[in-house]
Amino acid sequence: MTEGLALIISAPIIWLVGKKLNHNKKDEVYVNKETGEEVTIGPKHTFFFIPIQYWGLIWGILGILHLFLPL
């Protein structure tokens, strides 16, 4: 039960940190001279290709499941 509460309590913190990290993007746009194609490069904070803020949602759902299901 305490593990579920810990997951639920930490979920909003993960969400806020992820939003802060991914919101302050300073994207740079480069143009390929040969093709004219634009490429945008900027910091992307992910874990297993999922943006950090969405891990807060996943964490919260896992916490709720852990509280109500016998895992």
PDB file of N, CA and C in Angstrom:
ATOM      1  N   MET A   1       0.819  -1.196   0.000  1.00  0.00           N
ATOM      2  CA  MET A   1       0.000   0.000   0.000  1.00  0.00           C
ATOM      3  C   MET A   1       0.864   1.261   0.000  1.00  0.00           C
ATOM      4  N   THR A   2       1.940   1.255   0.763  1.00  0.00           N
ATOM      5  CA  THR A   2       2.791   2.445   0.816  1.00  0.00           C
ATOM      6  C   THR A   2       3.485   2.697  -0.521  1.00  0.00           C
ATOM      7  N   GLU A   3       3.750   1.615  -1.272  1.00  0.00           N
ATOM      8  CA  GLU A   3       4.372   1.795  -2.586  1.00  0.00           C
ATOM      9  C   GLU A   3       3.427   2.534  -3.520  1.00  0.00           C
ATOM     10  N   GLY A   4       2.143   2.192  -3.466  1.00  0.00           N
ATOM     11  CA  GLY A   4       1.155   2.871  -4.288  1.00  0.00           C
ATOM     12  C   GLY A   4       1.039   4.343  -3.938  1.00  0.00           C
ATOM     13  N   LEU A   5       1.060   4.642  -2.638  1.00  0.00           N
ATOM     14  CA  LEU A   5       1.001   6.048  -2.214  1.00  0.00           C
ATOM     15  C   LEU A   5       2.240   6.810  -2.664  1.00  0.00           C
ATOM     16  N   ALA A   6       3.388   6.168  -2.592  1.00  0.00           N
ATOM     17  CA  ALA A   6       4.624   6.820  -3.039  1.00  0.00           C
ATOM     18  C   ALA A   6       4.572   7.123  -4.530  1.00  0.00           C
ATOM     19  N   LEU A   7       4.024   6.196  -5.313  1.00  0.00           N
ATOM     20  CA  LEU A   7       3.898   6.434  -6.753  1.00  0.00           C
ATOM     21  C   LEU A   7       2.938   7.587  -7.030  1.00  0.00           C
ATOM     22  N   ILE A   8       1.823   7.622  -6.308  1.00  0.00           N
ATOM     23  CA  ILE A   8       0.833   8.681  -6.516  1.00  0.00           C
ATOM     24  C   ILE A   8       1.386  10.039  -6.097  1.00  0.00           C
ATOM     25  N   ILE A   9       2.129  10.089  -5.001  1.00  0.00           N
ATOM     26  CA  ILE A   9       2.697  11.359  -4.533  1.00  0.00           C
ATOM     27  C   ILE A   9       3.781  11.855  -5.482  1.00  0.00           C
ATOM     28  N   SER A  10       4.576  10.945  -6.031  1.00  0.00           N
ATOM     29  CA  SER A  10       5.676  11.362  -6.905  1.00  0.00           C
ATOM     30  C   SER A  10       5.214  11.694  -8.324  1.00  0.00           C
ATOM     31  N   ALA A  11       4.038  11.236  -8.730  1.00  0.00           N
ATOM     32  CA  ALA A  11       3.564  11.455 -10.096  1.00  0.00           C
ATOM     33  C   ALA A  11       3.458  12.937 -10.460  1.00  0.00           C
ATOM     34  N   PRO A  12       2.833  13.799  -9.630  1.00  0.00           N
ATOM     35  CA  PRO A  12       2.775  15.221 -10.018  1.00  0.00           C
ATOM     36  C   PRO A  12       4.145  15.893 -10.058  1.00  0.00           C
ATOM     37  N   ILE A  13       5.051  15.427  -9.220  1.00  0.00           N
ATOM     38  CA  ILE A  13       6.403  15.997  -9.223  1.00  0.00           C
ATOM     39  C   ILE A  13       7.096  15.664 -10.548  1.00  0.00           C
ATOM     40  N   ILE A  14       6.958  14.423 -10.985  1.00  0.00           N
ATOM     41  CA  ILE A  14       7.545  14.014 -12.263  1.00  0.00           C
ATOM     42  C   ILE A  14       6.920  14.807 -13.399  1.00  0.00           C
ATOM     43  N   TRP A  15       5.590  14.986 -13.356  1.00  0.00           N
ATOM     44  CA  TRP A  15       4.886  15.751 -14.398  1.00  0.00           C
ATOM     45  C   TRP A  15       5.431  17.180 -14.467  1.00  0.00           C
ATOM     46  N   LEU A  16       5.549  17.844 -13.306  1.00  0.00           N
ATOM     47  CA  LEU A  16       6.007  19.235 -13.282  1.00  0.00           C
ATOM     48  C   LEU A  16       7.450  19.372 -13.761  1.00  0.00           C
ATOM     49  N   VAL A  17       8.311  18.466 -13.320  1.00  0.00           N
ATOM     50  CA  VAL A  17       9.708  18.519 -13.756  1.00  0.00           C
ATOM     51  C   VAL A  17       9.802  18.282 -15.265  1.00  0.00           C
ATOM     52  N   GLY A  18       9.051  17.328 -15.769  1.00  0.00           N
ATOM     53  CA  GLY A  18       9.053  17.058 -17.206  1.00  0.00           C
ATOM     54  C   GLY A  18       8.547  18.237 -18.011  1.00  0.00           C
ATOM     55  N   LYS A  19       7.463  18.878 -17.544  1.00  0.00           N
ATOM     56  CA  LYS A  19       6.942  20.056 -18.240  1.00  0.00           C
ATOM     57  C   LYS A  19       7.973  21.176 -18.236  1.00  0.00           C
ATOM     58  N   LYS A  20       8.641  21.371 -17.117  1.00  0.00           N
ATOM     59  CA  LYS A  20       9.648  22.427 -17.020  1.00  0.00           C
ATOM     60  C   LYS A  20      10.823  22.150 -17.959  1.00  0.00           C
ATOM     61  N   LEU A  21      11.278  20.913 -18.002  1.00  0.00           N
ATOM     62  CA  LEU A  21      12.409  20.570 -18.855  1.00  0.00           C
ATOM     63  C   LEU A  21      12.065  20.677 -20.334  1.00  0.00           C
ATOM     64  N   ASN A  22      10.875  20.250 -20.714  1.00  0.00           N
ATOM     65  CA  ASN A  22      10.518  20.232 -22.126  1.00  0.00           C
ATOM     66  C   ASN A  22       9.849  21.512 -22.594  1.00  0.00           C
ATOM     67  N   HIS A  23       9.439  22.382 -21.697  1.00  0.00           N
ATOM     68  CA  HIS A  23       8.784  23.623 -22.097  1.00  0.00           C
ATOM     69  C   HIS A  23       9.793  24.696 -22.499  1.00  0.00           C
ATOM     70  N   ASN A  24      10.924  24.723 -21.855  1.00  0.00           N
ATOM     71  CA  ASN A  24      11.929  25.755 -22.111  1.00  0.00           C
ATOM     72  C   ASN A  24      12.852  25.355 -23.254  1.00  0.00           C
ATOM     73  N   LYS A  25      12.257  24.938 -24.337  1.00  0.00           N
ATOM     74  CA  LYS A  25      13.061  24.519 -25.482  1.00  0.00           C
ATOM     75  C   LYS A  25      13.544  25.735 -26.259  1.00  0.00           C
ATOM     76  N   LYS A  26      14.786  25.709 -26.610  1.00  0.00           N
ATOM     77  CA  LYS A  26      15.373  26.710 -27.489  1.00  0.00           C
ATOM     78  C   LYS A  26      15.722  25.978 -28.786  1.00  0.00           C
ATOM     79  N   ASP A  27      14.708  25.769 -29.590  1.00  0.00           N
ATOM     80  CA  ASP A  27      14.918  25.031 -30.832  1.00  0.00           C
ATOM     81  C   ASP A  27      15.711  25.866 -31.831  1.00  0.00           C
ATOM     82  N   GLU A  28      16.596  25.196 -32.526  1.00  0.00           N
ATOM     83  CA  GLU A  28      17.369  25.828 -33.582  1.00  0.00           C
ATOM     84  C   GLU A  28      16.933  25.218 -34.902  1.00  0.00           C
ATOM     85  N   VAL A  29      16.732  26.055 -35.892  1.00  0.00           N
ATOM     86  CA  VAL A  29      16.304  25.591 -37.205  1.00  0.00           C
ATOM     87  C   VAL A  29      17.476  25.741 -38.169  1.00  0.00           C
ATOM     88  N   TYR A  30      17.826  24.619 -38.803  1.00  0.00           N
ATOM     89  CA  TYR A  30      18.889  24.613 -39.793  1.00  0.00           C
ATOM     90  C   TYR A  30      18.276  24.304 -41.146  1.00  0.00           C
ATOM     91  N   VAL A  31      18.813  24.907 -42.197  1.00  0.00           N
ATOM     92  CA  VAL A  31      18.319  24.683 -43.545  1.00  0.00           C
ATOM     93  C   VAL A  31      19.433  24.035 -44.361  1.00  0.00           C
ATOM     94  N   ASN A  32      19.116  22.914 -44.954  1.00  0.00           N
ATOM     95  CA  ASN A  32      20.052  22.223 -45.829  1.00  0.00           C
ATOM     96  C   ASN A  32      20.138  23.014 -47.136  1.00  0.00           C
ATOM     97  N   LYS A  33      21.341  23.481 -47.476  1.00  0.00           N
ATOM     98  CA  LYS A  33      21.509  24.326 -48.660  1.00  0.00           C
ATOM     99  C   LYS A  33      21.208  23.593 -49.960  1.00  0.00           C
ATOM    100  N   GLU A  34      21.465  22.304 -49.984  1.00  0.00           N
ATOM    101  CA  GLU A  34      21.263  21.541 -51.211  1.00  0.00           C
ATOM    102  C   GLU A  34      19.791  21.241 -51.472  1.00  0.00           C
ATOM    103  N   THR A  35      19.050  20.864 -50.410  1.00  0.00           N
ATOM    104  CA  THR A  35      17.658  20.440 -50.603  1.00  0.00           C
ATOM    105  C   THR A  35      16.647  21.486 -50.155  1.00  0.00           C
ATOM    106  N   GLY A  36      17.066  22.445 -49.349  1.00  0.00           N
ATOM    107  CA  GLY A  36      16.146  23.439 -48.815  1.00  0.00           C
ATOM    108  C   GLY A  36      15.312  22.910 -47.655  1.00  0.00           C
ATOM    109  N   GLU A  37      15.618  21.710 -47.193  1.00  0.00           N
ATOM    110  CA  GLU A  37      14.871  21.094 -46.100  1.00  0.00           C
ATOM    111  C   GLU A  37      15.263  21.722 -44.765  1.00  0.00           C
ATOM    112  N   GLU A  38      14.264  22.012 -43.939  1.00  0.00           N
ATOM    113  CA  GLU A  38      14.507  22.569 -42.608  1.00  0.00           C
ATOM    114  C   GLU A  38      14.556  21.447 -41.580  1.00  0.00           C
ATOM    115  N   VAL A  39      15.526  21.538 -40.685  1.00  0.00           N
ATOM    116  CA  VAL A  39      15.681  20.572 -39.605  1.00  0.00           C
ATOM    117  C   VAL A  39      15.668  21.346 -38.298  1.00  0.00           C
ATOM    118  N   THR A  40      14.800  20.942 -37.382  1.00  0.00           N
ATOM    119  CA  THR A  40      14.709  21.586 -36.076  1.00  0.00           C
ATOM    120  C   THR A  40      15.427  20.725 -35.054  1.00  0.00           C
ATOM    121  N   ILE A  41      16.363  21.342 -34.333  1.00  0.00           N
ATOM    122  CA  ILE A  41      17.133  20.638 -33.318  1.00  0.00           C
ATOM    123  C   ILE A  41      16.937  21.362 -31.993  1.00  0.00           C
ATOM    124  N   GLY A  42      16.598  20.603 -30.965  1.00  0.00           N
ATOM    125  CA  GLY A  42      16.397  21.175 -29.645  1.00  0.00           C
ATOM    126  C   GLY A  42      16.456  20.088 -28.591  1.00  0.00           C
ATOM    127  N   PRO A  43      16.542  20.477 -27.342  1.00  0.00           N
ATOM    128  CA  PRO A  43      16.613  19.476 -26.274  1.00  0.00           C
ATOM    129  C   PRO A  43      15.288  18.744 -26.121  1.00  0.00           C
ATOM    130  N   LYS A  44      15.361  17.435 -26.053  1.00  0.00           N
ATOM    131  CA  LYS A  44      14.184  16.617 -25.815  1.00  0.00           C
ATOM    132  C   LYS A  44      14.512  15.695 -24.647  1.00  0.00           C
ATOM    133  N   HIS A  45      13.799  15.863 -23.559  1.00  0.00           N
ATOM    134  CA  HIS A  45      14.037  15.062 -22.369  1.00  0.00           C
ATOM    135  C   HIS A  45      13.041  13.919 -22.360  1.00  0.00           C
ATOM    136  N   THR A  46      13.547  12.714 -22.654  1.00  0.00           N
ATOM    137  CA  THR A  46      12.691  11.543 -22.746  1.00  0.00           C
ATOM    138  C   THR A  46      13.295  10.396 -21.947  1.00  0.00           C
ATOM    139  N   PHE A  47      12.464   9.406 -21.680  1.00  0.00           N
ATOM    140  CA  PHE A  47      12.894   8.157 -21.074  1.00  0.00           C
ATOM    141  C   PHE A  47      12.212   7.055 -21.861  1.00  0.00           C
ATOM    142  N   PHE A  48      12.978   6.209 -22.511  1.00  0.00           N
ATOM    143  CA  PHE A  48      12.449   5.197 -23.431  1.00  0.00           C
ATOM    144  C   PHE A  48      11.563   5.832 -24.484  1.00  0.00           C
ATOM    145  N   PHE A  49      12.008   6.935 -25.043  1.00  0.00           N
ATOM    146  CA  PHE A  49      11.347   7.653 -26.134  1.00  0.00           C
ATOM    147  C   PHE A  49       9.998   8.263 -25.740  1.00  0.00           C
ATOM    148  N   ILE A  50       9.686   8.322 -24.454  1.00  0.00           N
ATOM    149  CA  ILE A  50       8.455   8.941 -23.964  1.00  0.00           C
ATOM    150  C   ILE A  50       8.859  10.206 -23.211  1.00  0.00           C
ATOM    151  N   PRO A  51       8.262  11.370 -23.545  1.00  0.00           N
ATOM    152  CA  PRO A  51       8.602  12.593 -22.818  1.00  0.00           C
ATOM    153  C   PRO A  51       8.400  12.427 -21.308  1.00  0.00           C
ATOM    154  N   ILE A  52       9.290  13.048 -20.547  1.00  0.00           N
ATOM    155  CA  ILE A  52       9.316  12.864 -19.097  1.00  0.00           C
ATOM    156  C   ILE A  52       7.973  13.173 -18.449  1.00  0.00           C
ATOM    157  N   GLN A  53       7.276  14.225 -18.887  1.00  0.00           N
ATOM    158  CA  GLN A  53       6.030  14.583 -18.216  1.00  0.00           C
ATOM    159  C   GLN A  53       4.985  13.474 -18.319  1.00  0.00           C
ATOM    160  N   TYR A  54       5.010  12.691 -19.392  1.00  0.00           N
ATOM    161  CA  TYR A  54       4.039  11.605 -19.527  1.00  0.00           C
ATOM    162  C   TYR A  54       4.344  10.440 -18.601  1.00  0.00           C
ATOM    163  N   TRP A  55       5.586  10.340 -18.149  1.00  0.00           N
ATOM    164  CA  TRP A  55       5.907   9.327 -17.155  1.00  0.00           C
ATOM    165  C   TRP A  55       5.204   9.633 -15.839  1.00  0.00           C
ATOM    166  N   GLY A  56       4.933  10.908 -15.566  1.00  0.00           N
ATOM    167  CA  GLY A  56       4.158  11.252 -14.372  1.00  0.00           C
ATOM    168  C   GLY A  56       2.765  10.650 -14.429  1.00  0.00           C
ATOM    169  N   LEU A  57       2.126  10.688 -15.604  1.00  0.00           N
ATOM    170  CA  LEU A  57       0.809  10.072 -15.765  1.00  0.00           C
ATOM    171  C   LEU A  57       0.885   8.555 -15.593  1.00  0.00           C
ATOM    172  N   ILE A  58       1.894   7.965 -16.211  1.00  0.00           N
ATOM    173  CA  ILE A  58       2.059   6.521 -16.105  1.00  0.00           C
ATOM    174  C   ILE A  58       2.294   6.124 -14.648  1.00  0.00           C
ATOM    175  N   TRP A  59       3.109   6.899 -13.968  1.00  0.00           N
ATOM    176  CA  TRP A  59       3.421   6.642 -12.563  1.00  0.00           C
ATOM    177  C   TRP A  59       2.154   6.721 -11.701  1.00  0.00           C
ATOM    178  N   GLY A  60       1.331   7.726 -11.956  1.00  0.00           N
ATOM    179  CA  GLY A  60       0.088   7.881 -11.200  1.00  0.00           C
ATOM    180  C   GLY A  60      -0.870   6.727 -11.442  1.00  0.00           C
ATOM    181  N   ILE A  61      -0.999   6.308 -12.689  1.00  0.00           N
ATOM    182  CA  ILE A  61      -1.877   5.175 -13.001  1.00  0.00           C
ATOM    183  C   ILE A  61      -1.364   3.901 -12.334  1.00  0.00           C
ATOM    184  N   LEU A  62      -0.063   3.680 -12.376  1.00  0.00           N
ATOM    185  CA  LEU A  62       0.504   2.506 -11.707  1.00  0.00           C
ATOM    186  C   LEU A  62       0.265   2.567 -10.200  1.00  0.00           C
ATOM    187  N   GLY A  63       0.353   3.764  -9.622  1.00  0.00           N
ATOM    188  CA  GLY A  63       0.091   3.910  -8.187  1.00  0.00           C
ATOM    189  C   GLY A  63      -1.339   3.580  -7.831  1.00  0.00           C
ATOM    190  N   ILE A  64      -2.290   4.042  -8.631  1.00  0.00           N
ATOM    191  CA  ILE A  64      -3.700   3.741  -8.382  1.00  0.00           C
ATOM    192  C   ILE A  64      -3.955   2.242  -8.525  1.00  0.00           C
ATOM    193  N   LEU A  65      -3.390   1.639  -9.563  1.00  0.00           N
ATOM    194  CA  LEU A  65      -3.548   0.203  -9.746  1.00  0.00           C
ATOM    195  C   LEU A  65      -2.959  -0.565  -8.580  1.00  0.00           C
ATOM    196  N   HIS A  66      -1.817  -0.096  -8.103  1.00  0.00           N
ATOM    197  CA  HIS A  66      -1.149  -0.776  -6.986  1.00  0.00           C
ATOM    198  C   HIS A  66      -1.969  -0.677  -5.703  1.00  0.00           C
ATOM    199  N   LEU A  67      -2.705   0.403  -5.529  1.00  0.00           N
ATOM    200  CA  LEU A  67      -3.544   0.541  -4.338  1.00  0.00           C
ATOM    201  C   LEU A  67      -4.743  -0.407  -4.366  1.00  0.00           C
ATOM    202  N   PHE A  68      -5.347  -0.558  -5.528  1.00  0.00           N
ATOM    203  CA  PHE A  68      -6.614  -1.289  -5.595  1.00  0.00           C
ATOM    204  C   PHE A  68      -6.519  -2.719  -6.090  1.00  0.00           C
ATOM    205  N   LEU A  69      -5.413  -3.084  -6.706  1.00  0.00           N
ATOM    206  CA  LEU A  69      -5.240  -4.463  -7.167  1.00  0.00           C
ATOM    207  C   LEU A  69      -4.149  -5.147  -6.350  1.00  0.00           C
ATOM    208  N   PRO A  70      -4.362  -6.384  -6.011  1.00  0.00           N
ATOM    209  CA  PRO A  70      -3.319  -7.098  -5.251  1.00  0.00           C
ATOM    210  C   PRO A  70      -2.158  -7.493  -6.156  1.00  0.00           C
ATOM    211  N   LEU A  71      -1.142  -6.642  -6.210  1.00  0.00           N
ATOM    212  CA  LEU A  71       0.022  -6.922  -7.058  1.00  0.00           C
ATOM    213  C   LEU A  71       1.129  -7.550  -6.246  1.00  0.00           C
TER     214      LEU A  71
END
